[in-house]
Amino acid sequence: MKVRDVMTKQPKCCGPDTNLATATELMWTNDCGVLPVIDDGKLAGIITDRDISIALGTRKQPAAEIPVKDVATRDMQTCTSDDDVHTAMATIRRAKVHRLPVVGDGGKLEGIVALNDLVLAADRHGAIVYEEIINTIKAVSEHRGHKPPAEPEKLKFPPIPVAVA
């Protein structure tokens, strides 16, 4: 089975100068957790809801003032629509990502293949076995050893008033 058989075609996208408020609205409206970043018709990066959350939690700026290009991942793994789904799953496991952009000639975005696409495909087709899906999810779920910056600036939140009855 090929990636084209399971991928999400025509995913919602944004540009590098789109602000995080608009990107968040696009994700909310379209029920997605990722937006490919398209620049000059080509895939230039990818931004996730997690990227947005961390950016907003660690910067003292409103979402409308932070461009996607300041937060998006530029170094990403991709696959092609002609790739076998097992090859795509191996890339997902190795890169520990939930989604792979699917690109064609010249870096043009054709779609996205996500873990949930693969899970649903295993139900519809016999080419993907559940054990491989579980092993892929386990590999993605393993900690990558990420360490936050040495001394992140502490954000101060006002106390929450508590009503006493």
C-alpha atoms as a PDB file:
ATOM      1  CA  MET A   1       0.000   0.000   0.000  1.00  0.00           C
ATOM      2  CA  LYS A   2       1.256   3.472  -0.885  1.00  0.00           C
ATOM      3  CA  VAL A   3       1.195   6.650   1.189  1.00  0.00           C
ATOM      4  CA  ARG A   4      -1.202   8.200  -1.361  1.00  0.00           C
ATOM      5  CA  ASP A   5      -3.786   5.588  -0.316  1.00  0.00           C
ATOM      6  CA  VAL A   6      -3.893   6.743   3.318  1.00  0.00           C
ATOM      7  CA  MET A   7      -2.669  10.348   3.431  1.00  0.00           C
ATOM      8  CA  THR A   8      -4.782  13.400   4.118  1.00  0.00           C
ATOM      9  CA  LYS A   9      -4.924  15.301   0.854  1.00  0.00           C
ATOM     10  CA  GLN A  10      -5.036  19.107   0.700  1.00  0.00           C
ATOM     11  CA  PRO A  11      -4.245  19.852   4.353  1.00  0.00           C
ATOM     12  CA  LYS A  12      -4.791  23.354   5.666  1.00  0.00           C
ATOM     13  CA  CYS A  13      -1.584  25.408   5.466  1.00  0.00           C
ATOM     14  CA  CYS A  14      -0.172  28.757   6.494  1.00  0.00           C
ATOM     15  CA  GLY A  15       2.661  31.009   5.400  1.00  0.00           C
ATOM     16  CA  PRO A  16       5.811  31.977   7.293  1.00  0.00           C
ATOM     17  CA  ASP A  17       4.422  35.433   8.086  1.00  0.00           C
ATOM     18  CA  THR A  18       1.114  34.108   9.418  1.00  0.00           C
ATOM     19  CA  ASN A  19       0.874  35.016  13.105  1.00  0.00           C
ATOM     20  CA  LEU A  20       0.291  32.431  15.826  1.00  0.00           C
ATOM     21  CA  ALA A  21      -3.228  33.732  16.556  1.00  0.00           C
ATOM     22  CA  THR A  22      -4.262  33.088  12.955  1.00  0.00           C
ATOM     23  CA  ALA A  23      -2.476  29.711  12.887  1.00  0.00           C
ATOM     24  CA  THR A  24      -4.300  28.699  16.067  1.00  0.00           C
ATOM     25  CA  GLU A  25      -7.633  29.742  14.555  1.00  0.00           C
ATOM     26  CA  LEU A  26      -6.878  27.676  11.434  1.00  0.00           C
ATOM     27  CA  MET A  27      -6.122  24.622  13.581  1.00  0.00           C
ATOM     28  CA  TRP A  28      -9.252  25.105  15.688  1.00  0.00           C
ATOM     29  CA  THR A  29     -11.572  25.702  12.722  1.00  0.00           C
ATOM     30  CA  ASN A  30     -10.188  22.769  10.733  1.00  0.00           C
ATOM     31  CA  ASP A  31      -9.754  20.349  13.654  1.00  0.00           C
ATOM     32  CA  CYS A  32      -6.067  19.767  13.046  1.00  0.00           C
ATOM     33  CA  GLY A  33      -2.957  19.910  15.215  1.00  0.00           C
ATOM     34  CA  VAL A  34      -0.458  20.805  12.526  1.00  0.00           C
ATOM     35  CA  LEU A  35      -0.087  23.257   9.676  1.00  0.00           C
ATOM     36  CA  PRO A  36       2.465  22.894   6.916  1.00  0.00           C
ATOM     37  CA  VAL A  37       4.209  26.207   6.268  1.00  0.00           C
ATOM     38  CA  ILE A  38       4.257  27.039   2.566  1.00  0.00           C
ATOM     39  CA  ASP A  39       6.628  29.616   1.091  1.00  0.00           C
ATOM     40  CA  ASP A  40       6.812  30.269  -2.662  1.00  0.00           C
ATOM     41  CA  GLY A  41       4.633  27.212  -3.282  1.00  0.00           C
ATOM     42  CA  LYS A  42       7.004  24.849  -1.450  1.00  0.00           C
ATOM     43  CA  LEU A  43       7.029  23.223   1.961  1.00  0.00           C
ATOM     44  CA  ALA A  44       9.191  25.459   4.158  1.00  0.00           C
ATOM     45  CA  GLY A  45       8.359  24.072   7.593  1.00  0.00           C
ATOM     46  CA  ILE A  46       5.705  22.705   9.869  1.00  0.00           C
ATOM     47  CA  ILE A  47       4.082  24.101  12.995  1.00  0.00           C
ATOM     48  CA  THR A  48       2.163  22.105  15.580  1.00  0.00           C
ATOM     49  CA  ASP A  49      -0.277  23.078  18.291  1.00  0.00           C
ATOM     50  CA  ARG A  50       2.457  22.074  20.753  1.00  0.00           C
ATOM     51  CA  ASP A  51       4.926  24.468  19.099  1.00  0.00           C
ATOM     52  CA  ILE A  52       2.404  27.279  19.496  1.00  0.00           C
ATOM     53  CA  SER A  53       1.650  26.396  23.106  1.00  0.00           C
ATOM     54  CA  ILE A  54       5.315  26.332  24.090  1.00  0.00           C
ATOM     55  CA  ALA A  55       6.055  29.577  22.218  1.00  0.00           C
ATOM     56  CA  LEU A  56       3.207  31.384  23.948  1.00  0.00           C
ATOM     57  CA  GLY A  57       4.147  29.960  27.336  1.00  0.00           C
ATOM     58  CA  THR A  58       7.784  31.017  27.091  1.00  0.00           C
ATOM     59  CA  ARG A  59       7.535  34.448  25.456  1.00  0.00           C
ATOM     60  CA  LYS A  60       6.014  37.612  26.744  1.00  0.00           C
ATOM     61  CA  GLN A  61       4.314  38.430  23.463  1.00  0.00           C
ATOM     62  CA  PRO A  62       0.726  38.146  22.259  1.00  0.00           C
ATOM     63  CA  ALA A  63       0.029  35.427  19.687  1.00  0.00           C
ATOM     64  CA  ALA A  64      -0.869  38.048  17.080  1.00  0.00           C
ATOM     65  CA  GLU A  65       2.674  39.449  17.272  1.00  0.00           C
ATOM     66  CA  ILE A  66       4.630  36.211  16.768  1.00  0.00           C
ATOM     67  CA  PRO A  67       5.077  35.020  13.171  1.00  0.00           C
ATOM     68  CA  VAL A  68       4.978  31.316  12.402  1.00  0.00           C
ATOM     69  CA  LYS A  69       8.498  31.529  10.929  1.00  0.00           C
ATOM     70  CA  ASP A  70       9.856  32.232  14.431  1.00  0.00           C
ATOM     71  CA  VAL A  71       8.397  29.000  15.820  1.00  0.00           C
ATOM     72  CA  ALA A  72       7.978  26.475  12.987  1.00  0.00           C
ATOM     73  CA  THR A  73      10.275  23.515  12.524  1.00  0.00           C
ATOM     74  CA  ARG A  74      12.262  23.869   9.309  1.00  0.00           C
ATOM     75  CA  ASP A  75      14.290  20.673   9.527  1.00  0.00           C
ATOM     76  CA  MET A  76      11.623  18.024   9.039  1.00  0.00           C
ATOM     77  CA  GLN A  77      11.267  14.553   7.711  1.00  0.00           C
ATOM     78  CA  THR A  78       9.063  14.026   4.647  1.00  0.00           C
ATOM     79  CA  CYS A  79       7.897  11.244   2.399  1.00  0.00           C
ATOM     80  CA  THR A  80       6.420  10.971  -1.089  1.00  0.00           C
ATOM     81  CA  SER A  81       3.024   9.719  -2.147  1.00  0.00           C
ATOM     82  CA  ASP A  82       4.765   6.834  -3.944  1.00  0.00           C
ATOM     83  CA  ASP A  83       6.470   5.624  -0.743  1.00  0.00           C
ATOM     84  CA  ASP A  84       5.243   2.409   0.787  1.00  0.00           C
ATOM     85  CA  VAL A  85       3.315   2.962   4.046  1.00  0.00           C
ATOM     86  CA  HIS A  86       5.807   0.737   5.873  1.00  0.00           C
ATOM     87  CA  THR A  87       8.652   3.018   4.767  1.00  0.00           C
ATOM     88  CA  ALA A  88       6.678   6.040   6.005  1.00  0.00           C
ATOM     89  CA  MET A  89       6.056   4.304   9.358  1.00  0.00           C
ATOM     90  CA  ALA A  90       9.785   3.571   9.681  1.00  0.00           C
ATOM     91  CA  THR A  91      10.500   7.280   9.124  1.00  0.00           C
ATOM     92  CA  ILE A  92       7.851   8.219  11.714  1.00  0.00           C
ATOM     93  CA  ARG A  93       9.449   5.836  14.236  1.00  0.00           C
ATOM     94  CA  ARG A  94      12.985   7.061  13.558  1.00  0.00           C
ATOM     95  CA  ALA A  95      12.041  10.772  13.646  1.00  0.00           C
ATOM     96  CA  LYS A  96       9.591  10.320  16.570  1.00  0.00           C
ATOM     97  CA  VAL A  97       6.921  12.450  14.900  1.00  0.00           C
ATOM     98  CA  HIS A  98       3.159  12.076  14.680  1.00  0.00           C
ATOM     99  CA  ARG A  99       2.881  13.334  11.109  1.00  0.00           C
ATOM    100  CA  LEU A 100       4.919  13.394   7.913  1.00  0.00           C
ATOM    101  CA  PRO A 101       4.399  15.962   5.176  1.00  0.00           C
ATOM    102  CA  VAL A 102       4.018  14.309   1.784  1.00  0.00           C
ATOM    103  CA  VAL A 103       5.916  16.184  -0.910  1.00  0.00           C
ATOM    104  CA  GLY A 104       6.150  15.873  -4.668  1.00  0.00           C
ATOM    105  CA  ASP A 105       8.332  17.410  -7.327  1.00  0.00           C
ATOM    106  CA  GLY A 106      10.216  20.505  -6.236  1.00  0.00           C
ATOM    107  CA  GLY A 107       9.079  20.256  -2.616  1.00  0.00           C
ATOM    108  CA  LYS A 108       5.407  20.934  -3.390  1.00  0.00           C
ATOM    109  CA  LEU A 109       3.110  19.713  -0.609  1.00  0.00           C
ATOM    110  CA  GLU A 110       0.731  16.934  -1.649  1.00  0.00           C
ATOM    111  CA  GLY A 111      -0.632  15.962   1.760  1.00  0.00           C
ATOM    112  CA  ILE A 112       0.167  14.698   5.228  1.00  0.00           C
ATOM    113  CA  VAL A 113       0.288  11.159   6.555  1.00  0.00           C
ATOM    114  CA  ALA A 114      -0.470  11.007  10.263  1.00  0.00           C
ATOM    115  CA  LEU A 115      -0.510   8.224  12.806  1.00  0.00           C
ATOM    116  CA  ASN A 116      -4.303   8.390  12.884  1.00  0.00           C
ATOM    117  CA  ASP A 117      -4.403   7.951   9.078  1.00  0.00           C
ATOM    118  CA  LEU A 118      -2.374   4.769   9.515  1.00  0.00           C
ATOM    119  CA  VAL A 119      -4.541   3.481  12.368  1.00  0.00           C
ATOM    120  CA  LEU A 120      -7.702   4.017  10.331  1.00  0.00           C
ATOM    121  CA  ALA A 121      -6.083   2.416   7.272  1.00  0.00           C
ATOM    122  CA  ALA A 122      -5.246  -0.682   9.306  1.00  0.00           C
ATOM    123  CA  ASP A 123      -8.964  -1.037   9.951  1.00  0.00           C
ATOM    124  CA  ARG A 124      -9.892  -0.661   6.262  1.00  0.00           C
ATOM    125  CA  HIS A 125      -7.018  -2.471   4.557  1.00  0.00           C
ATOM    126  CA  GLY A 126      -5.113  -5.603   5.357  1.00  0.00           C
ATOM    127  CA  ALA A 127      -1.699  -4.208   4.384  1.00  0.00           C
ATOM    128  CA  ILE A 128      -1.016  -2.638   7.796  1.00  0.00           C
ATOM    129  CA  VAL A 129      -0.965  -4.862  10.851  1.00  0.00           C
ATOM    130  CA  TYR A 130      -1.899  -3.529  14.268  1.00  0.00           C
ATOM    131  CA  GLU A 131       1.394  -4.671  15.812  1.00  0.00           C
ATOM    132  CA  GLU A 132       3.324  -2.389  13.446  1.00  0.00           C
ATOM    133  CA  ILE A 133       1.003   0.506  14.328  1.00  0.00           C
ATOM    134  CA  ILE A 134       1.503  -0.120  18.061  1.00  0.00           C
ATOM    135  CA  ASN A 135       5.276  -0.330  17.625  1.00  0.00           C
ATOM    136  CA  THR A 136       5.209   2.947  15.697  1.00  0.00           C
ATOM    137  CA  ILE A 137       3.141   4.677  18.398  1.00  0.00           C
ATOM    138  CA  LYS A 138       5.483   3.306  21.090  1.00  0.00           C
ATOM    139  CA  ALA A 139       8.540   4.615  19.233  1.00  0.00           C
ATOM    140  CA  VAL A 140       6.994   8.065  18.793  1.00  0.00           C
ATOM    141  CA  SER A 141       5.986   8.137  22.467  1.00  0.00           C
ATOM    142  CA  GLU A 142       9.487   7.483  23.811  1.00  0.00           C
ATOM    143  CA  HIS A 143      11.138  10.532  25.320  1.00  0.00           C
ATOM    144  CA  ARG A 144      13.699  12.213  23.117  1.00  0.00           C
ATOM    145  CA  GLY A 145      15.784  13.522  25.979  1.00  0.00           C
ATOM    146  CA  HIS A 146      14.743  17.129  25.393  1.00  0.00           C
ATOM    147  CA  LYS A 147      16.104  19.524  27.983  1.00  0.00           C
ATOM    148  CA  PRO A 148      14.688  23.014  28.439  1.00  0.00           C
ATOM    149  CA  PRO A 149      17.048  26.019  28.406  1.00  0.00           C
ATOM    150  CA  ALA A 150      19.237  26.299  31.507  1.00  0.00           C
ATOM    151  CA  GLU A 151      17.338  29.098  33.237  1.00  0.00           C
ATOM    152  CA  PRO A 152      14.101  29.974  31.462  1.00  0.00           C
ATOM    153  CA  GLU A 153      12.564  33.268  32.445  1.00  0.00           C
ATOM    154  CA  LYS A 154       9.902  32.636  35.065  1.00  0.00           C
ATOM    155  CA  LEU A 155       6.495  33.954  34.163  1.00  0.00           C
ATOM    156  CA  LYS A 156       4.583  35.522  37.002  1.00  0.00           C
ATOM    157  CA  PHE A 157       0.878  34.939  37.187  1.00  0.00           C
ATOM    158  CA  PRO A 158      -1.393  36.919  39.499  1.00  0.00           C
ATOM    159  CA  PRO A 159      -3.060  34.896  42.262  1.00  0.00           C
ATOM    160  CA  ILE A 160      -6.472  33.546  41.427  1.00  0.00           C
ATOM    161  CA  PRO A 161      -9.102  35.030  43.745  1.00  0.00           C
ATOM    162  CA  VAL A 162     -11.066  32.427  45.666  1.00  0.00           C
ATOM    163  CA  ALA A 163     -14.603  33.220  46.680  1.00  0.00           C
ATOM    164  CA  VAL A 164     -15.456  32.284  50.244  1.00  0.00           C
ATOM    165  CA  ALA A 165     -19.083  31.429  50.869  1.00  0.00           C
END
